[in-house]
Amino acid sequence: MSSISIASLPRMNRDALSALLTSTTESDKLAIIDVRDSDHIGGHIKSSIWVPTSSLDVRLPELLRTLKDKEMVIFHCALSQQRGPSSALRYARERERILGPEEYQKQEVFVLEGGFVQWQEKYGKDEKLTEAYVEDIWQEY
C-alpha cells in the first residue's frame, strides 16, 4: 500500500506558480492539471490541461505517459479542497504503482493552494498567466 496521502502532498501557492510560469527555464518542466468540471468556464491558467474529474480515471494512463518527463505536476480545482487534492493523490499513487518508488520520486506532485478562485483574484486579468478570463463569472466568489 502506498504511503502517499492527501496530507503528504505538498501545496504550491499562486505566487510560486506564477513565478514558475513566467520563468523561461522552469515553465517547460511543469504541467498544470485543471480538474474542474462545468466550473471550468470563465477562465483557466495558461498552458493548463483540462481533465474534468469525471474523466480522470480514463485519462490517467495518458497523463502518466505524456507527463512522465515533467519535474512538477500541479493539480487544482476551484478551491483545491476536494477534487484537486483527491485527483493529485490518484495520479501520484498510480504513478508510484506503475513506476515504483524510485522512479516516482523524480517528479513532484503538488496541489495549488486556494485553487483557481485564489488564482483569479490576483492573476485573472493577467493575459500572460490566465486565458479566457470572464471577470463577471468570478464576482460571486
Protein backbone atom coordinates (compact mmCIF):
# COMPACT_ATOMS: atom_id res chain seq x y z
CA MET A 1 0.00 0.00 0.00
CA SER A 2 1.19 3.49 -0.85
CA SER A 3 2.34 5.85 1.87
CA ILE A 4 1.20 8.86 -0.18
CA SER A 5 -1.77 10.66 1.37
CA ILE A 6 -3.62 13.90 0.73
CA ALA A 7 -1.92 15.36 3.80
CA SER A 8 1.54 14.44 2.47
CA LEU A 9 1.02 16.10 -0.93
CA PRO A 10 2.85 19.44 -0.97
CA ARG A 11 0.93 22.64 -1.67
CA MET A 12 2.11 25.39 -4.01
CA ASN A 13 0.85 28.94 -3.64
CA ARG A 14 -0.26 31.09 -6.55
CA ASP A 15 2.81 33.35 -6.43
CA ALA A 16 5.22 30.42 -6.66
CA LEU A 17 3.27 29.01 -9.63
CA SER A 18 3.20 32.43 -11.31
CA ALA A 19 6.99 32.71 -10.93
CA LEU A 20 7.45 29.26 -12.47
CA LEU A 21 5.16 30.07 -15.39
CA THR A 22 6.94 33.32 -16.18
CA SER A 23 10.40 31.75 -15.93
CA THR A 24 11.70 30.74 -19.34
CA THR A 25 13.78 27.93 -17.86
CA GLU A 26 11.22 26.47 -15.47
CA SER A 27 7.94 26.61 -17.42
CA ASP A 28 8.69 23.56 -19.63
CA LYS A 29 9.44 21.47 -16.54
CA LEU A 30 5.90 21.66 -15.20
CA ALA A 31 2.36 20.71 -16.08
CA ILE A 32 -0.81 22.14 -14.58
CA ILE A 33 -3.84 19.87 -14.45
CA ASP A 34 -7.21 21.62 -14.03
CA VAL A 35 -9.75 19.09 -12.75
CA ARG A 36 -12.74 21.43 -12.56
CA ASP A 37 -15.87 20.16 -14.24
CA SER A 38 -18.50 22.59 -15.61
CA ASP A 39 -16.99 25.28 -13.37
CA HIS A 40 -14.04 25.38 -15.82
CA ILE A 41 -15.92 28.07 -17.75
CA GLY A 42 -14.75 31.63 -17.17
CA GLY A 43 -11.01 31.20 -17.38
CA HIS A 44 -8.08 28.91 -16.83
CA ILE A 45 -4.38 29.09 -16.05
CA LYS A 46 -2.37 29.48 -19.24
CA SER A 47 -0.93 26.17 -20.50
CA SER A 48 -3.07 24.12 -18.10
CA ILE A 49 -4.55 20.82 -19.24
CA TRP A 50 -8.26 20.41 -18.58
CA VAL A 51 -9.08 16.97 -17.23
CA PRO A 52 -12.53 17.04 -15.59
CA THR A 53 -12.67 14.79 -12.53
CA SER A 54 -15.32 12.70 -14.26
CA SER A 55 -12.77 11.68 -16.91
CA LEU A 56 -9.67 11.39 -14.71
CA ASP A 57 -9.73 7.59 -14.33
CA VAL A 58 -9.95 7.11 -18.10
CA ARG A 59 -7.23 9.69 -18.78
CA LEU A 60 -4.76 8.60 -16.07
CA PRO A 61 -2.74 6.30 -18.39
CA GLU A 62 -2.46 9.11 -20.96
CA LEU A 63 -1.39 11.63 -18.29
CA LEU A 64 1.21 9.29 -16.87
CA ARG A 65 2.64 8.77 -20.34
CA THR A 66 2.57 12.40 -21.53
CA LEU A 67 3.77 13.93 -18.25
CA LYS A 68 6.49 11.39 -17.47
CA ASP A 69 9.35 13.83 -18.18
CA LYS A 70 7.90 16.77 -16.24
CA GLU A 71 9.60 17.64 -12.96
CA MET A 72 6.43 19.05 -11.40
CA VAL A 73 2.74 18.38 -11.89
CA ILE A 74 0.34 20.78 -10.17
CA PHE A 75 -3.34 19.87 -9.74
CA HIS A 76 -6.15 22.26 -8.94
CA CYS A 77 -9.90 22.66 -8.96
CA ALA A 78 -11.95 25.71 -7.94
CA LEU A 79 -10.80 25.80 -4.30
CA SER A 80 -8.34 22.87 -4.22
CA GLN A 81 -10.12 21.41 -1.22
CA GLN A 82 -11.58 18.20 -2.66
CA ARG A 83 -11.30 17.48 -6.39
CA GLY A 84 -7.79 18.90 -6.80
CA PRO A 85 -6.19 17.08 -3.86
CA SER A 86 -8.00 13.79 -4.50
CA SER A 87 -7.05 13.88 -8.21
CA ALA A 88 -3.42 14.65 -7.34
CA LEU A 89 -3.47 11.72 -4.92
CA ARG A 90 -4.89 9.33 -7.54
CA TYR A 91 -2.28 10.45 -10.06
CA ALA A 92 0.60 10.18 -7.55
CA ARG A 93 -0.43 6.72 -6.33
CA GLU A 94 -0.88 5.39 -9.86
CA ARG A 95 2.49 6.82 -10.89
CA GLU A 96 4.13 5.16 -7.89
CA ARG A 97 2.35 1.86 -8.57
CA ILE A 98 3.41 1.75 -12.21
CA LEU A 99 6.91 3.19 -11.97
CA GLY A 100 7.95 2.14 -8.47
CA PRO A 101 9.05 4.38 -5.60
CA GLU A 102 12.46 5.33 -7.02
CA GLU A 103 11.23 6.47 -10.42
CA TYR A 104 8.14 8.05 -8.84
CA GLN A 105 10.31 10.41 -6.80
CA LYS A 106 11.74 12.01 -9.94
CA GLN A 107 8.54 14.05 -10.24
CA GLU A 108 6.91 16.26 -7.61
CA VAL A 109 3.12 16.33 -7.46
CA PHE A 110 1.58 19.47 -5.96
CA VAL A 111 -1.84 20.90 -5.18
CA LEU A 112 -2.40 24.57 -5.99
CA GLU A 113 -3.31 26.24 -2.70
CA GLY A 114 -6.67 28.03 -2.95
CA GLY A 115 -7.35 26.66 -6.44
CA PHE A 116 -8.50 28.78 -9.35
CA VAL A 117 -10.58 31.01 -7.09
CA GLN A 118 -7.48 32.38 -5.35
CA TRP A 119 -5.51 32.35 -8.62
CA GLN A 120 -8.05 34.51 -10.46
CA GLU A 121 -8.25 37.03 -7.59
CA LYS A 122 -4.66 38.05 -8.31
CA TYR A 123 -3.91 36.83 -11.84
CA GLY A 124 -7.30 36.62 -13.59
CA LYS A 125 -6.79 39.78 -15.62
CA ASP A 126 -3.15 38.98 -16.43
CA GLU A 127 -3.26 37.66 -20.00
CA LYS A 128 0.26 36.27 -19.71
CA LEU A 129 -0.96 33.91 -16.98
CA THR A 130 -4.70 33.41 -17.49
CA GLU A 131 -6.68 32.61 -20.65
CA ALA A 132 -10.39 33.08 -21.46
CA TYR A 133 -11.00 35.01 -18.23
CA VAL A 134 -14.54 36.30 -17.71
CA GLU A 135 -14.46 38.56 -14.67
CA ASP A 136 -18.25 38.69 -14.17
CA ILE A 137 -18.39 34.95 -13.51
CA TRP A 138 -15.97 35.31 -10.58
CA GLN A 139 -17.69 38.29 -8.91
CA GLU A 140 -19.71 35.99 -6.63
CA TYR A 141 -16.62 34.25 -5.23
